[in-house]
Amino acid sequence: MKKLTIFSLLLSLAFAVNAQDKKPNPNYDAALAKQYEADDYGMKMYVLVDLKNREQYQ
């Protein structure tokens, strides 16, 4: 049981350390991101609105 606990702890630590690696995206195109008004990560914000009829809730 003690070995399993230590193994689980080491495995979770390895995943946590690996998740911290920040590698630059080689496919990032700054000009294209600026053209589409994207942020520093190349993502653009969208808003999704779901309109429903009130009669469905009555």
Protein backbone atom coordinates (compact mmCIF):
# COMPACT_ATOMS: atom_id res chain seq x y z
CA MET A 1 0.00 0.00 0.00
CA LYS A 2 2.86 2.35 0.81
CA LYS A 3 4.51 1.68 -2.57
CA LEU A 4 1.25 2.44 -4.38
CA THR A 5 0.89 5.74 -2.52
CA ILE A 6 4.46 6.77 -3.33
CA PHE A 7 4.01 5.74 -6.97
CA SER A 8 0.79 7.77 -7.22
CA LEU A 9 2.46 10.79 -5.68
CA LEU A 10 5.43 10.60 -8.04
CA LEU A 11 3.18 10.11 -11.05
CA SER A 12 1.04 13.13 -10.18
CA LEU A 13 4.19 15.19 -9.60
CA ALA A 14 5.52 14.18 -13.02
CA PHE A 15 2.27 15.30 -14.68
CA ALA A 16 2.34 18.60 -12.78
CA VAL A 17 5.91 19.33 -13.87
CA ASN A 18 5.15 18.40 -17.47
CA ALA A 19 2.10 20.67 -17.52
CA GLN A 20 4.28 23.67 -16.65
CA ASP A 21 6.33 23.48 -19.85
CA LYS A 22 5.58 26.47 -22.05
CA LYS A 23 6.68 25.83 -25.60
CA PRO A 24 6.20 28.48 -28.27
CA ASN A 25 3.83 27.49 -31.05
CA PRO A 26 5.83 27.13 -34.27
CA ASN A 27 2.63 27.64 -36.33
CA TYR A 28 1.74 31.01 -34.73
CA ASP A 29 1.44 33.75 -37.34
CA ALA A 30 1.44 37.22 -35.73
CA ALA A 31 0.31 38.97 -38.93
CA LEU A 32 -2.65 36.63 -39.34
CA ALA A 33 -3.61 37.03 -35.67
CA LYS A 34 -3.53 40.81 -36.03
CA GLN A 35 -5.63 40.61 -39.21
CA TYR A 36 -8.35 38.70 -37.36
CA GLU A 37 -7.97 40.85 -34.21
CA ALA A 38 -6.88 37.88 -32.14
CA ASP A 39 -5.08 38.00 -28.78
CA ASP A 40 -1.45 37.08 -28.05
CA TYR A 41 -2.32 33.38 -28.27
CA GLY A 42 -4.04 33.69 -31.64
CA MET A 43 -7.51 33.28 -30.15
CA LYS A 44 -10.49 35.50 -30.86
CA MET A 45 -13.34 35.97 -28.38
CA TYR A 46 -16.84 35.05 -29.44
CA VAL A 47 -20.14 35.36 -27.59
CA LEU A 48 -22.72 32.61 -27.95
CA VAL A 49 -26.31 33.52 -27.13
CA ASP A 50 -29.06 30.93 -26.93
CA LEU A 51 -32.49 32.53 -27.31
CA LYS A 52 -35.55 30.54 -26.31
CA ASN A 53 -39.23 31.25 -26.33
CA ARG A 54 -40.79 31.96 -22.91
CA GLU A 55 -43.66 29.59 -23.64
CA GLN A 56 -41.28 26.66 -23.32
CA TYR A 57 -40.79 27.42 -19.61
CA GLN A 58 -44.40 27.84 -18.60
